[in-house]
Amino acid sequence: MRDVFGVYNMRSRISVGVIVLAPLIIQIYILFPVARNISSTLIITGITFSFSNLLILIARLNGGKVLHKCFPDGLPAQSFLIPEDTTLDEFTKERYYKFFQKHLRKFKVTDNAADMKQKSESAIKWLIARTRNSTKFPLIAEENTNLGFAYNILGVKPFGIMICVVSAVGNIVIMKLQKQTYFLVDNAELLLSMIFTIGYLLMWVFLINKKLVKNSAKKYAFALLAACDSGYFD
């Protein structure tokens, strides 16, 4: 239970599922007052949690694919160590090289691009494994969580858009029924529901994109590599 409701799972996985389902949940609560009582809320919460678990699996599967599409040649942390990469200044990069040479016996800077890429990937995997303690490395944990959230939510973007479209169509149908007096809903609540749905749709279209993942990955890379200067490995 502790692992399920851990900070990483809550923020980068479970929250993704809740965000995807939010338009439907909000619409139900706004348009159907009966859903606001305690028993209905418990039922909706249980259903939401169940669907969130399904979406977590989909997000993890699609999220990995998204990450590979954003970085087909390797994640930023590895790329930053390649001699040809100019993201880091030469003095910082040299300092990181010395750190890895000190702690990894086989790490050596070479002119062979393929060999250097392999060594950099190995060095970063080693560093990730030794910086998992969120108490010692809070910034790394924070940026790792942000990155996980970014690629997971991009991975379920099609589902998010689909749910928003379904919600919008539902609102339109209710408007039609409203005119024929078959279905009575307060006009203000109906308008509020539509505003929420459109707002979420705009979020999916304009905010959830590869740029979000790339920016998060770069911030994580900077935080991860900065651990070389932390003094915890001396």
C-alpha atoms as a PDB file:
ATOM      1  CA  MET A   1       0.000   0.000   0.000  1.00  0.00           C
ATOM      2  CA  ARG A   2       2.872   2.340   0.800  1.00  0.00           C
ATOM      3  CA  ASP A   3       4.343   1.739  -2.666  1.00  0.00           C
ATOM      4  CA  VAL A   4       0.987   2.258  -4.380  1.00  0.00           C
ATOM      5  CA  PHE A   5       0.442   5.611  -2.686  1.00  0.00           C
ATOM      6  CA  GLY A   6       4.087   6.692  -2.780  1.00  0.00           C
ATOM      7  CA  VAL A   7       4.936  10.172  -4.039  1.00  0.00           C
ATOM      8  CA  TYR A   8       6.154   8.951  -7.439  1.00  0.00           C
ATOM      9  CA  ASN A   9       3.138   6.716  -8.058  1.00  0.00           C
ATOM     10  CA  MET A  10       0.668   9.358  -6.892  1.00  0.00           C
ATOM     11  CA  ARG A  11       2.119  12.199  -8.943  1.00  0.00           C
ATOM     12  CA  SER A  12       3.401  10.523 -12.089  1.00  0.00           C
ATOM     13  CA  ARG A  13       0.919   7.655 -12.504  1.00  0.00           C
ATOM     14  CA  ILE A  14      -2.303   7.814 -10.471  1.00  0.00           C
ATOM     15  CA  SER A  15      -2.718  11.553 -11.059  1.00  0.00           C
ATOM     16  CA  VAL A  16      -2.448  10.907 -14.809  1.00  0.00           C
ATOM     17  CA  GLY A  17      -5.427   8.545 -14.665  1.00  0.00           C
ATOM     18  CA  VAL A  18      -7.465  10.985 -12.594  1.00  0.00           C
ATOM     19  CA  ILE A  19      -6.694  13.860 -14.989  1.00  0.00           C
ATOM     20  CA  VAL A  20      -7.793  11.793 -17.988  1.00  0.00           C
ATOM     21  CA  LEU A  21     -11.097  10.869 -16.300  1.00  0.00           C
ATOM     22  CA  ALA A  22     -11.676  14.307 -14.749  1.00  0.00           C
ATOM     23  CA  PRO A  23     -13.972  15.720 -17.490  1.00  0.00           C
ATOM     24  CA  LEU A  24     -16.407  12.818 -17.074  1.00  0.00           C
ATOM     25  CA  ILE A  25     -16.266  12.989 -13.274  1.00  0.00           C
ATOM     26  CA  ILE A  26     -16.822  16.763 -13.227  1.00  0.00           C
ATOM     27  CA  GLN A  27     -19.668  16.468 -15.715  1.00  0.00           C
ATOM     28  CA  ILE A  28     -21.387  13.807 -13.596  1.00  0.00           C
ATOM     29  CA  TYR A  29     -21.091  15.909 -10.447  1.00  0.00           C
ATOM     30  CA  ILE A  30     -22.300  19.098 -12.113  1.00  0.00           C
ATOM     31  CA  LEU A  31     -25.211  17.660 -14.090  1.00  0.00           C
ATOM     32  CA  PHE A  32     -26.427  14.961 -11.726  1.00  0.00           C
ATOM     33  CA  PRO A  33     -26.975  16.235  -8.137  1.00  0.00           C
ATOM     34  CA  VAL A  34     -27.651  12.676  -6.919  1.00  0.00           C
ATOM     35  CA  ALA A  35     -23.963  11.894  -7.577  1.00  0.00           C
ATOM     36  CA  ARG A  36     -22.979  14.364  -4.869  1.00  0.00           C
ATOM     37  CA  ASN A  37     -24.283  12.285  -1.946  1.00  0.00           C
ATOM     38  CA  ILE A  38     -21.891  10.152   0.054  1.00  0.00           C
ATOM     39  CA  SER A  39     -22.843   6.724  -1.314  1.00  0.00           C
ATOM     40  CA  SER A  40     -22.644   7.869  -4.948  1.00  0.00           C
ATOM     41  CA  THR A  41     -19.330   9.585  -4.265  1.00  0.00           C
ATOM     42  CA  LEU A  42     -17.876   6.366  -2.838  1.00  0.00           C
ATOM     43  CA  ILE A  43     -19.038   4.399  -5.873  1.00  0.00           C
ATOM     44  CA  ILE A  44     -17.633   6.981  -8.306  1.00  0.00           C
ATOM     45  CA  THR A  45     -14.365   7.065  -6.359  1.00  0.00           C
ATOM     46  CA  GLY A  46     -14.049   3.284  -6.554  1.00  0.00           C
ATOM     47  CA  ILE A  47     -14.790   3.242 -10.282  1.00  0.00           C
ATOM     48  CA  THR A  48     -12.355   6.113 -10.877  1.00  0.00           C
ATOM     49  CA  PHE A  49      -9.582   4.339  -8.962  1.00  0.00           C
ATOM     50  CA  SER A  50     -10.178   1.126 -10.943  1.00  0.00           C
ATOM     51  CA  PHE A  51     -10.055   2.895 -14.285  1.00  0.00           C
ATOM     52  CA  SER A  52      -7.014   4.852 -13.096  1.00  0.00           C
ATOM     53  CA  ASN A  53      -5.172   1.571 -12.532  1.00  0.00           C
ATOM     54  CA  LEU A  54      -5.960   0.526 -16.105  1.00  0.00           C
ATOM     55  CA  LEU A  55      -4.799   3.894 -17.406  1.00  0.00           C
ATOM     56  CA  ILE A  56      -1.582   3.552 -15.390  1.00  0.00           C
ATOM     57  CA  LEU A  57      -0.730   0.377 -17.307  1.00  0.00           C
ATOM     58  CA  ILE A  58      -1.532   2.048 -20.616  1.00  0.00           C
ATOM     59  CA  ALA A  59       0.423   5.158 -19.621  1.00  0.00           C
ATOM     60  CA  ARG A  60       3.503   3.133 -18.669  1.00  0.00           C
ATOM     61  CA  LEU A  61       3.387   1.220 -21.957  1.00  0.00           C
ATOM     62  CA  ASN A  62       2.761   4.275 -24.137  1.00  0.00           C
ATOM     63  CA  GLY A  63       4.970   6.506 -21.994  1.00  0.00           C
ATOM     64  CA  GLY A  64       8.029   4.397 -22.769  1.00  0.00           C
ATOM     65  CA  LYS A  65       7.273   4.703 -26.476  1.00  0.00           C
ATOM     66  CA  VAL A  66       6.832   8.469 -26.124  1.00  0.00           C
ATOM     67  CA  LEU A  67      10.190   8.778 -24.374  1.00  0.00           C
ATOM     68  CA  HIS A  68      11.907   6.857 -27.170  1.00  0.00           C
ATOM     69  CA  LYS A  69      10.250   9.043 -29.828  1.00  0.00           C
ATOM     70  CA  CYS A  70      11.345  12.211 -28.032  1.00  0.00           C
ATOM     71  CA  PHE A  71      14.909  10.940 -27.596  1.00  0.00           C
ATOM     72  CA  PRO A  72      15.691   8.322 -30.271  1.00  0.00           C
ATOM     73  CA  ASP A  73      19.451   8.795 -29.785  1.00  0.00           C
ATOM     74  CA  GLY A  74      19.456   8.527 -26.003  1.00  0.00           C
ATOM     75  CA  LEU A  75      18.200  10.477 -23.004  1.00  0.00           C
ATOM     76  CA  PRO A  76      19.659  13.937 -22.296  1.00  0.00           C
ATOM     77  CA  ALA A  77      21.784  12.821 -19.330  1.00  0.00           C
ATOM     78  CA  GLN A  78      23.686  10.376 -21.540  1.00  0.00           C
ATOM     79  CA  SER A  79      23.841  12.777 -24.471  1.00  0.00           C
ATOM     80  CA  PHE A  80      25.261  15.574 -22.303  1.00  0.00           C
ATOM     81  CA  LEU A  81      28.372  13.429 -21.660  1.00  0.00           C
ATOM     82  CA  ILE A  82      29.143  12.868 -25.331  1.00  0.00           C
ATOM     83  CA  PRO A  83      32.194  15.022 -26.233  1.00  0.00           C
ATOM     84  CA  GLU A  84      30.437  16.492 -29.296  1.00  0.00           C
ATOM     85  CA  ASP A  85      27.460  17.674 -27.234  1.00  0.00           C
ATOM     86  CA  THR A  86      27.775  21.352 -26.273  1.00  0.00           C
ATOM     87  CA  THR A  87      24.996  21.593 -23.677  1.00  0.00           C
ATOM     88  CA  LEU A  88      27.493  21.534 -20.794  1.00  0.00           C
ATOM     89  CA  ASP A  89      30.499  23.825 -20.767  1.00  0.00           C
ATOM     90  CA  GLU A  90      33.875  22.117 -21.118  1.00  0.00           C
ATOM     91  CA  PHE A  91      34.888  22.689 -17.487  1.00  0.00           C
ATOM     92  CA  THR A  92      31.711  21.123 -16.076  1.00  0.00           C
ATOM     93  CA  LYS A  93      31.928  18.203 -18.475  1.00  0.00           C
ATOM     94  CA  GLU A  94      35.581  17.623 -17.578  1.00  0.00           C
ATOM     95  CA  ARG A  95      34.649  17.598 -13.892  1.00  0.00           C
ATOM     96  CA  TYR A  96      31.982  14.961 -14.548  1.00  0.00           C
ATOM     97  CA  TYR A  97      34.426  12.889 -16.582  1.00  0.00           C
ATOM     98  CA  LYS A  98      36.872  12.875 -13.658  1.00  0.00           C
ATOM     99  CA  PHE A  99      34.068  11.850 -11.302  1.00  0.00           C
ATOM    100  CA  PHE A 100      33.096   8.833 -13.399  1.00  0.00           C
ATOM    101  CA  GLN A 101      36.735   7.868 -13.988  1.00  0.00           C
ATOM    102  CA  LYS A 102      37.220   7.870 -10.230  1.00  0.00           C
ATOM    103  CA  HIS A 103      34.169   5.709  -9.456  1.00  0.00           C
ATOM    104  CA  LEU A 104      33.922   3.549 -12.575  1.00  0.00           C
ATOM    105  CA  ARG A 105      37.095   1.661 -13.392  1.00  0.00           C
ATOM    106  CA  LYS A 106      36.246   1.152 -17.070  1.00  0.00           C
ATOM    107  CA  PHE A 107      34.980   4.656 -17.774  1.00  0.00           C
ATOM    108  CA  LYS A 108      37.278   6.435 -20.172  1.00  0.00           C
ATOM    109  CA  VAL A 109      36.792   9.336 -22.560  1.00  0.00           C
ATOM    110  CA  THR A 110      37.463   8.267 -26.144  1.00  0.00           C
ATOM    111  CA  ASP A 111      37.073   9.686 -29.637  1.00  0.00           C
ATOM    112  CA  ASN A 112      35.005   6.693 -30.711  1.00  0.00           C
ATOM    113  CA  ALA A 113      31.395   7.983 -30.740  1.00  0.00           C
ATOM    114  CA  ALA A 114      29.764   4.556 -30.409  1.00  0.00           C
ATOM    115  CA  ASP A 115      32.092   3.505 -27.594  1.00  0.00           C
ATOM    116  CA  MET A 116      31.620   6.813 -25.765  1.00  0.00           C
ATOM    117  CA  LYS A 117      27.846   6.536 -26.051  1.00  0.00           C
ATOM    118  CA  GLN A 118      27.960   3.066 -24.513  1.00  0.00           C
ATOM    119  CA  LYS A 119      30.185   4.223 -21.653  1.00  0.00           C
ATOM    120  CA  SER A 120      27.972   7.260 -21.006  1.00  0.00           C
ATOM    121  CA  GLU A 121      24.832   5.120 -20.870  1.00  0.00           C
ATOM    122  CA  SER A 122      26.511   2.757 -18.418  1.00  0.00           C
ATOM    123  CA  ALA A 123      27.721   5.660 -16.262  1.00  0.00           C
ATOM    124  CA  ILE A 124      24.274   7.233 -16.103  1.00  0.00           C
ATOM    125  CA  LYS A 125      22.631   3.923 -15.171  1.00  0.00           C
ATOM    126  CA  TRP A 126      25.165   3.608 -12.365  1.00  0.00           C
ATOM    127  CA  LEU A 127      24.436   7.150 -11.201  1.00  0.00           C
ATOM    128  CA  ILE A 128      20.664   6.627 -11.287  1.00  0.00           C
ATOM    129  CA  ALA A 129      20.982   3.487  -9.183  1.00  0.00           C
ATOM    130  CA  ARG A 130      22.955   5.393  -6.542  1.00  0.00           C
ATOM    131  CA  THR A 131      20.755   8.464  -6.335  1.00  0.00           C
ATOM    132  CA  ARG A 132      17.418   6.802  -5.587  1.00  0.00           C
ATOM    133  CA  ASN A 133      17.421   8.042  -1.999  1.00  0.00           C
ATOM    134  CA  SER A 134      14.964  10.968  -2.147  1.00  0.00           C
ATOM    135  CA  THR A 135      16.171  12.253   1.222  1.00  0.00           C
ATOM    136  CA  LYS A 136      19.757  12.651   0.032  1.00  0.00           C
ATOM    137  CA  PHE A 137      18.806  13.722  -3.488  1.00  0.00           C
ATOM    138  CA  PRO A 138      15.430  15.532  -3.253  1.00  0.00           C
ATOM    139  CA  LEU A 139      15.897  17.545  -6.443  1.00  0.00           C
ATOM    140  CA  ILE A 140      16.630  14.427  -8.489  1.00  0.00           C
ATOM    141  CA  ALA A 141      13.522  12.736  -7.060  1.00  0.00           C
ATOM    142  CA  GLU A 142      11.432  15.815  -7.886  1.00  0.00           C
ATOM    143  CA  GLU A 143      12.645  16.103 -11.471  1.00  0.00           C
ATOM    144  CA  ASN A 144      12.343  12.346 -12.003  1.00  0.00           C
ATOM    145  CA  THR A 145       8.712  12.507 -10.847  1.00  0.00           C
ATOM    146  CA  ASN A 146       8.040  15.460 -13.146  1.00  0.00           C
ATOM    147  CA  LEU A 147       9.544  13.577 -16.075  1.00  0.00           C
ATOM    148  CA  GLY A 148       7.505  10.464 -15.295  1.00  0.00           C
ATOM    149  CA  PHE A 149       4.330  12.529 -15.181  1.00  0.00           C
ATOM    150  CA  ALA A 150       5.197  14.299 -18.447  1.00  0.00           C
ATOM    151  CA  TYR A 151       5.780  11.213 -20.589  1.00  0.00           C
ATOM    152  CA  ASN A 152       2.973   9.220 -18.959  1.00  0.00           C
ATOM    153  CA  ILE A 153       0.389  11.921 -19.576  1.00  0.00           C
ATOM    154  CA  LEU A 154       1.577  12.392 -23.166  1.00  0.00           C
ATOM    155  CA  GLY A 155       1.237   8.635 -23.596  1.00  0.00           C
ATOM    156  CA  VAL A 156      -2.489   8.781 -22.780  1.00  0.00           C
ATOM    157  CA  LYS A 157      -3.186  12.009 -24.688  1.00  0.00           C
ATOM    158  CA  PRO A 158      -5.427  10.253 -27.274  1.00  0.00           C
ATOM    159  CA  PHE A 159      -7.601   8.885 -24.457  1.00  0.00           C
ATOM    160  CA  GLY A 160      -7.787  12.303 -22.807  1.00  0.00           C
ATOM    161  CA  ILE A 161      -8.925  13.966 -26.023  1.00  0.00           C
ATOM    162  CA  MET A 162     -11.422  11.172 -26.685  1.00  0.00           C
ATOM    163  CA  ILE A 163     -12.994  11.554 -23.239  1.00  0.00           C
ATOM    164  CA  CYS A 164     -13.257  15.324 -23.696  1.00  0.00           C
ATOM    165  CA  VAL A 165     -14.962  14.841 -27.058  1.00  0.00           C
ATOM    166  CA  VAL A 166     -17.374  12.299 -25.542  1.00  0.00           C
ATOM    167  CA  SER A 167     -18.138  14.728 -22.702  1.00  0.00           C
ATOM    168  CA  ALA A 168     -18.721  17.580 -25.145  1.00  0.00           C
ATOM    169  CA  VAL A 169     -21.054  15.429 -27.252  1.00  0.00           C
ATOM    170  CA  GLY A 170     -22.870  14.455 -24.061  1.00  0.00           C
ATOM    171  CA  ASN A 171     -23.378  18.118 -23.223  1.00  0.00           C
ATOM    172  CA  ILE A 172     -24.743  18.812 -26.700  1.00  0.00           C
ATOM    173  CA  VAL A 173     -27.162  15.879 -26.455  1.00  0.00           C
ATOM    174  CA  ILE A 174     -28.389  17.139 -23.088  1.00  0.00           C
ATOM    175  CA  MET A 175     -28.919  20.589 -24.603  1.00  0.00           C
ATOM    176  CA  LYS A 176     -31.081  19.032 -27.308  1.00  0.00           C
ATOM    177  CA  LEU A 177     -33.092  17.054 -24.780  1.00  0.00           C
ATOM    178  CA  GLN A 178     -33.405  20.183 -22.684  1.00  0.00           C
ATOM    179  CA  LYS A 179     -35.204  21.950 -25.528  1.00  0.00           C
ATOM    180  CA  GLN A 180     -37.606  19.033 -25.862  1.00  0.00           C
ATOM    181  CA  THR A 181     -38.210  19.009 -22.065  1.00  0.00           C
ATOM    182  CA  TYR A 182     -37.231  15.338 -21.829  1.00  0.00           C
ATOM    183  CA  PHE A 183     -34.279  16.110 -19.620  1.00  0.00           C
ATOM    184  CA  LEU A 184     -34.174  19.067 -17.262  1.00  0.00           C
ATOM    185  CA  VAL A 185     -30.810  20.447 -16.180  1.00  0.00           C
ATOM    186  CA  ASP A 186     -29.999  23.886 -14.840  1.00  0.00           C
ATOM    187  CA  ASN A 187     -28.649  25.985 -17.734  1.00  0.00           C
ATOM    188  CA  ALA A 188     -25.884  27.492 -15.576  1.00  0.00           C
ATOM    189  CA  GLU A 189     -24.669  24.015 -14.587  1.00  0.00           C
ATOM    190  CA  LEU A 190     -24.825  22.858 -18.188  1.00  0.00           C
ATOM    191  CA  LEU A 191     -22.756  25.863 -19.274  1.00  0.00           C
ATOM    192  CA  LEU A 192     -20.248  25.240 -16.458  1.00  0.00           C
ATOM    193  CA  SER A 193     -19.877  21.612 -17.534  1.00  0.00           C
ATOM    194  CA  MET A 194     -19.211  22.653 -21.127  1.00  0.00           C
ATOM    195  CA  ILE A 195     -16.615  25.231 -20.015  1.00  0.00           C
ATOM    196  CA  PHE A 196     -14.747  22.582 -17.995  1.00  0.00           C
ATOM    197  CA  THR A 197     -14.817  20.178 -20.931  1.00  0.00           C
ATOM    198  CA  ILE A 198     -13.532  22.757 -23.413  1.00  0.00           C
ATOM    199  CA  GLY A 199     -10.871  23.854 -20.933  1.00  0.00           C
ATOM    200  CA  TYR A 200      -9.586  20.288 -20.582  1.00  0.00           C
ATOM    201  CA  LEU A 201      -9.650  19.788 -24.344  1.00  0.00           C
ATOM    202  CA  LEU A 202      -7.540  22.924 -24.840  1.00  0.00           C
ATOM    203  CA  MET A 203      -5.108  21.662 -22.200  1.00  0.00           C
ATOM    204  CA  TRP A 204      -4.657  18.374 -24.059  1.00  0.00           C
ATOM    205  CA  VAL A 205      -4.233  20.057 -27.421  1.00  0.00           C
ATOM    206  CA  PHE A 206      -1.878  22.914 -26.499  1.00  0.00           C
ATOM    207  CA  LEU A 207      -0.075  21.970 -23.262  1.00  0.00           C
ATOM    208  CA  ILE A 208       0.486  18.217 -23.391  1.00  0.00           C
ATOM    209  CA  ASN A 209       3.159  17.730 -26.062  1.00  0.00           C
ATOM    210  CA  LYS A 210       6.721  16.556 -26.741  1.00  0.00           C
ATOM    211  CA  LYS A 211       8.115  19.901 -25.617  1.00  0.00           C
ATOM    212  CA  LEU A 212       6.812  19.219 -22.100  1.00  0.00           C
ATOM    213  CA  VAL A 213       8.626  15.865 -22.039  1.00  0.00           C
ATOM    214  CA  LYS A 214      11.851  17.242 -23.502  1.00  0.00           C
ATOM    215  CA  ASN A 215      12.024  20.137 -21.027  1.00  0.00           C
ATOM    216  CA  SER A 216      11.335  17.796 -18.099  1.00  0.00           C
ATOM    217  CA  ALA A 217      13.977  15.325 -19.307  1.00  0.00           C
ATOM    218  CA  LYS A 218      16.617  18.050 -19.584  1.00  0.00           C
ATOM    219  CA  LYS A 219      15.877  19.334 -16.081  1.00  0.00           C
ATOM    220  CA  TYR A 220      16.149  15.788 -14.762  1.00  0.00           C
ATOM    221  CA  ALA A 221      19.458  15.333 -16.594  1.00  0.00           C
ATOM    222  CA  PHE A 222      20.933  18.507 -15.068  1.00  0.00           C
ATOM    223  CA  ALA A 223      19.777  17.492 -11.575  1.00  0.00           C
ATOM    224  CA  LEU A 224      21.100  13.944 -11.985  1.00  0.00           C
ATOM    225  CA  LEU A 225      24.522  14.981 -13.215  1.00  0.00           C
ATOM    226  CA  ALA A 226      24.777  17.633 -10.510  1.00  0.00           C
ATOM    227  CA  ALA A 227      24.922  14.735  -8.023  1.00  0.00           C
ATOM    228  CA  CYS A 228      28.523  14.283  -9.173  1.00  0.00           C
ATOM    229  CA  ASP A 229      29.313  17.480  -7.248  1.00  0.00           C
ATOM    230  CA  SER A 230      27.264  16.564  -4.178  1.00  0.00           C
ATOM    231  CA  GLY A 231      30.049  15.016  -2.126  1.00  0.00           C
ATOM    232  CA  TYR A 232      27.957  11.953  -1.214  1.00  0.00           C
ATOM    233  CA  PHE A 233      30.280   9.684  -3.178  1.00  0.00           C
ATOM    234  CA  ASP A 234      33.560  10.820  -1.587  1.00  0.00           C
END
